[in-house]
């Protein structure tokens, strides 16, 4: 009996350790954009995915970004993980759509992401980054 309880406790403990950390929903468009961008910079693509609109095009684009990130050498990835997000400005398109213009402190290349409010949840629409259509 005692061994069964210990075995059960160990199984529960191991299962609890393997769960992904919960992510908090974004408070606003800027929060969603920053969380998504930071997840991508740090190679935390599960976190980036949480803050992204889940459609086929976005999922495929994020997988491509992850694959490209993983092919970079270790020094490059360290530089990205240590980079800061430099927000230039946020452009409101409507009550539920914002475009965030940003760079990171490592490569300083201008980027933009579209953030939308879907069912009171702010999410990045990644495909806009590649095709530019609103």
C-alpha atoms as a PDB file:
ATOM      1  CA  UNK A   1       0.000   0.000   0.000  1.00  0.00           C
ATOM      2  CA  UNK A   2       2.774   2.412   1.007  1.00  0.00           C
ATOM      3  CA  UNK A   3       4.663   1.700  -2.235  1.00  0.00           C
ATOM      4  CA  UNK A   4       1.525   2.299  -4.281  1.00  0.00           C
ATOM      5  CA  UNK A   5       1.050   5.712  -2.690  1.00  0.00           C
ATOM      6  CA  UNK A   6       4.691   6.639  -3.318  1.00  0.00           C
ATOM      7  CA  UNK A   7       4.482   5.426  -6.929  1.00  0.00           C
ATOM      8  CA  UNK A   8       1.299   7.447  -7.461  1.00  0.00           C
ATOM      9  CA  UNK A   9       2.923  10.527  -5.918  1.00  0.00           C
ATOM     10  CA  UNK A  10       5.974  10.154  -8.189  1.00  0.00           C
ATOM     11  CA  UNK A  11       3.805   9.781 -11.295  1.00  0.00           C
ATOM     12  CA  UNK A  12       1.784  12.871 -10.420  1.00  0.00           C
ATOM     13  CA  UNK A  13       4.974  14.817  -9.675  1.00  0.00           C
ATOM     14  CA  UNK A  14       6.561  13.842 -12.985  1.00  0.00           C
ATOM     15  CA  UNK A  15       3.406  14.714 -14.908  1.00  0.00           C
ATOM     16  CA  UNK A  16       3.204  18.107 -13.217  1.00  0.00           C
ATOM     17  CA  UNK A  17       6.831  18.873 -14.126  1.00  0.00           C
ATOM     18  CA  UNK A  18       6.239  18.187 -17.817  1.00  0.00           C
ATOM     19  CA  UNK A  19       3.342  20.615 -18.215  1.00  0.00           C
ATOM     20  CA  UNK A  20       4.085  23.805 -20.085  1.00  0.00           C
ATOM     21  CA  UNK A  21       3.943  26.949 -18.000  1.00  0.00           C
ATOM     22  CA  UNK A  22       0.596  28.676 -18.328  1.00  0.00           C
ATOM     23  CA  UNK A  23       0.588  31.874 -20.330  1.00  0.00           C
ATOM     24  CA  UNK A  24      -1.557  34.823 -19.325  1.00  0.00           C
ATOM     25  CA  UNK A  25      -3.837  36.279 -22.015  1.00  0.00           C
ATOM     26  CA  UNK A  26      -2.612  39.612 -23.347  1.00  0.00           C
ATOM     27  CA  UNK A  27      -4.002  42.690 -21.618  1.00  0.00           C
ATOM     28  CA  UNK A  28      -3.931  44.777 -24.802  1.00  0.00           C
ATOM     29  CA  UNK A  29      -2.513  44.859 -28.320  1.00  0.00           C
ATOM     30  CA  UNK A  30       0.934  45.993 -27.197  1.00  0.00           C
ATOM     31  CA  UNK A  31       1.145  43.184 -24.626  1.00  0.00           C
ATOM     32  CA  UNK A  32       0.210  40.574 -27.260  1.00  0.00           C
ATOM     33  CA  UNK A  33       2.745  41.963 -29.713  1.00  0.00           C
ATOM     34  CA  UNK A  34       5.552  42.114 -27.158  1.00  0.00           C
ATOM     35  CA  UNK A  35       4.877  38.591 -25.866  1.00  0.00           C
ATOM     36  CA  UNK A  36       4.824  37.190 -29.397  1.00  0.00           C
ATOM     37  CA  UNK A  37       7.981  39.030 -30.488  1.00  0.00           C
ATOM     38  CA  UNK A  38       9.844  38.144 -27.293  1.00  0.00           C
ATOM     39  CA  UNK A  39       8.866  34.484 -27.664  1.00  0.00           C
ATOM     40  CA  UNK A  40      10.262  34.456 -31.206  1.00  0.00           C
ATOM     41  CA  UNK A  41      13.487  36.204 -30.172  1.00  0.00           C
ATOM     42  CA  UNK A  42      14.061  33.786 -27.315  1.00  0.00           C
ATOM     43  CA  UNK A  43      13.177  30.677 -29.329  1.00  0.00           C
ATOM     44  CA  UNK A  44      10.079  30.108 -27.174  1.00  0.00           C
ATOM     45  CA  UNK A  45       7.757  29.272 -30.028  1.00  0.00           C
ATOM     46  CA  UNK A  46       5.061  27.708 -27.825  1.00  0.00           C
ATOM     47  CA  UNK A  47       4.737  31.069 -26.101  1.00  0.00           C
ATOM     48  CA  UNK A  48       4.735  32.891 -29.449  1.00  0.00           C
ATOM     49  CA  UNK A  49       2.040  30.526 -30.696  1.00  0.00           C
ATOM     50  CA  UNK A  50      -0.139  31.227 -27.647  1.00  0.00           C
ATOM     51  CA  UNK A  51      -0.219  34.926 -28.606  1.00  0.00           C
ATOM     52  CA  UNK A  52      -0.909  34.223 -32.289  1.00  0.00           C
ATOM     53  CA  UNK A  53      -4.174  33.846 -34.198  1.00  0.00           C
ATOM     54  CA  UNK A  54      -4.443  30.122 -34.880  1.00  0.00           C
ATOM     55  CA  UNK A  55      -5.119  29.665 -38.572  1.00  0.00           C
ATOM     56  CA  UNK A  56      -3.350  27.503 -41.132  1.00  0.00           C
ATOM     57  CA  UNK A  57      -1.290  30.288 -42.712  1.00  0.00           C
ATOM     58  CA  UNK A  58      -0.086  31.618 -39.347  1.00  0.00           C
ATOM     59  CA  UNK A  59       0.798  28.170 -38.024  1.00  0.00           C
ATOM     60  CA  UNK A  60       2.789  27.396 -41.186  1.00  0.00           C
ATOM     61  CA  UNK A  61       4.571  30.767 -41.064  1.00  0.00           C
ATOM     62  CA  UNK A  62       5.503  30.278 -37.407  1.00  0.00           C
ATOM     63  CA  UNK A  63       6.873  26.799 -38.181  1.00  0.00           C
ATOM     64  CA  UNK A  64       9.037  28.319 -40.935  1.00  0.00           C
ATOM     65  CA  UNK A  65      10.302  30.966 -38.516  1.00  0.00           C
ATOM     66  CA  UNK A  66      11.085  28.288 -35.928  1.00  0.00           C
ATOM     67  CA  UNK A  67      12.925  26.163 -38.477  1.00  0.00           C
ATOM     68  CA  UNK A  68      14.998  29.155 -39.635  1.00  0.00           C
ATOM     69  CA  UNK A  69      15.758  30.088 -36.017  1.00  0.00           C
ATOM     70  CA  UNK A  70      16.893  26.558 -35.163  1.00  0.00           C
ATOM     71  CA  UNK A  71      19.223  26.466 -38.195  1.00  0.00           C
ATOM     72  CA  UNK A  72      21.116  29.541 -36.982  1.00  0.00           C
ATOM     73  CA  UNK A  73      24.344  28.966 -35.078  1.00  0.00           C
ATOM     74  CA  UNK A  74      24.398  29.061 -31.280  1.00  0.00           C
ATOM     75  CA  UNK A  75      26.040  32.499 -31.083  1.00  0.00           C
ATOM     76  CA  UNK A  76      23.336  34.010 -33.271  1.00  0.00           C
ATOM     77  CA  UNK A  77      20.579  32.489 -31.113  1.00  0.00           C
ATOM     78  CA  UNK A  78      22.256  33.807 -27.943  1.00  0.00           C
ATOM     79  CA  UNK A  79      22.335  37.301 -29.445  1.00  0.00           C
ATOM     80  CA  UNK A  80      18.620  37.060 -30.296  1.00  0.00           C
ATOM     81  CA  UNK A  81      17.738  35.762 -26.818  1.00  0.00           C
ATOM     82  CA  UNK A  82      19.567  38.706 -25.255  1.00  0.00           C
ATOM     83  CA  UNK A  83      18.048  41.294 -27.604  1.00  0.00           C
ATOM     84  CA  UNK A  84      15.574  43.897 -26.419  1.00  0.00           C
ATOM     85  CA  UNK A  85      12.420  44.829 -28.303  1.00  0.00           C
ATOM     86  CA  UNK A  86      12.510  48.419 -29.525  1.00  0.00           C
ATOM     87  CA  UNK A  87       8.944  49.583 -30.243  1.00  0.00           C
ATOM     88  CA  UNK A  88       8.877  52.433 -32.754  1.00  0.00           C
ATOM     89  CA  UNK A  89       5.136  53.043 -32.702  1.00  0.00           C
ATOM     90  CA  UNK A  90       1.710  51.451 -32.794  1.00  0.00           C
ATOM     91  CA  UNK A  91      -0.714  52.377 -35.546  1.00  0.00           C
ATOM     92  CA  UNK A  92      -4.423  51.907 -34.795  1.00  0.00           C
ATOM     93  CA  UNK A  93      -6.251  50.696 -37.902  1.00  0.00           C
ATOM     94  CA  UNK A  94      -9.591  50.182 -36.137  1.00  0.00           C
ATOM     95  CA  UNK A  95     -10.882  49.399 -32.644  1.00  0.00           C
ATOM     96  CA  UNK A  96      -9.806  45.799 -33.098  1.00  0.00           C
ATOM     97  CA  UNK A  97      -6.725  46.050 -35.330  1.00  0.00           C
ATOM     98  CA  UNK A  98      -3.303  47.555 -34.579  1.00  0.00           C
ATOM     99  CA  UNK A  99       0.024  47.471 -36.419  1.00  0.00           C
ATOM    100  CA  UNK A 100       3.130  47.487 -34.210  1.00  0.00           C
ATOM    101  CA  UNK A 101       6.353  48.754 -35.795  1.00  0.00           C
ATOM    102  CA  UNK A 102       9.482  47.548 -34.008  1.00  0.00           C
ATOM    103  CA  UNK A 103      13.131  46.525 -34.186  1.00  0.00           C
ATOM    104  CA  UNK A 104      15.274  44.447 -31.891  1.00  0.00           C
ATOM    105  CA  UNK A 105      18.526  45.617 -30.356  1.00  0.00           C
ATOM    106  CA  UNK A 106      20.548  42.869 -32.071  1.00  0.00           C
ATOM    107  CA  UNK A 107      19.955  43.370 -35.796  1.00  0.00           C
ATOM    108  CA  UNK A 108      17.991  46.664 -35.722  1.00  0.00           C
ATOM    109  CA  UNK A 109      15.978  45.655 -38.804  1.00  0.00           C
ATOM    110  CA  UNK A 110      12.529  47.273 -39.021  1.00  0.00           C
ATOM    111  CA  UNK A 111       9.635  44.818 -38.634  1.00  0.00           C
ATOM    112  CA  UNK A 112       5.907  45.053 -38.129  1.00  0.00           C
ATOM    113  CA  UNK A 113       3.204  42.803 -36.760  1.00  0.00           C
ATOM    114  CA  UNK A 114      -0.549  43.041 -36.998  1.00  0.00           C
ATOM    115  CA  UNK A 115      -2.428  42.486 -33.753  1.00  0.00           C
ATOM    116  CA  UNK A 116      -6.171  41.865 -33.744  1.00  0.00           C
ATOM    117  CA  UNK A 117      -8.809  41.614 -31.059  1.00  0.00           C
ATOM    118  CA  UNK A 118     -10.744  38.401 -31.578  1.00  0.00           C
ATOM    119  CA  UNK A 119     -13.396  37.542 -28.955  1.00  0.00           C
ATOM    120  CA  UNK A 120     -11.826  39.959 -26.433  1.00  0.00           C
ATOM    121  CA  UNK A 121      -8.427  38.330 -26.926  1.00  0.00           C
ATOM    122  CA  UNK A 122      -5.540  40.243 -28.542  1.00  0.00           C
ATOM    123  CA  UNK A 123      -3.567  38.016 -30.954  1.00  0.00           C
ATOM    124  CA  UNK A 124      -0.857  38.487 -33.575  1.00  0.00           C
ATOM    125  CA  UNK A 125      -1.934  37.821 -37.163  1.00  0.00           C
ATOM    126  CA  UNK A 126       1.475  36.701 -38.408  1.00  0.00           C
ATOM    127  CA  UNK A 127       0.599  36.353 -42.086  1.00  0.00           C
ATOM    128  CA  UNK A 128       0.378  40.173 -42.315  1.00  0.00           C
ATOM    129  CA  UNK A 129       4.105  40.307 -41.550  1.00  0.00           C
ATOM    130  CA  UNK A 130       4.775  38.417 -44.776  1.00  0.00           C
ATOM    131  CA  UNK A 131       2.023  39.601 -47.144  1.00  0.00           C
ATOM    132  CA  UNK A 132       1.171  43.060 -45.759  1.00  0.00           C
ATOM    133  CA  UNK A 133      -2.567  42.796 -46.438  1.00  0.00           C
ATOM    134  CA  UNK A 134      -4.876  44.184 -43.804  1.00  0.00           C
END
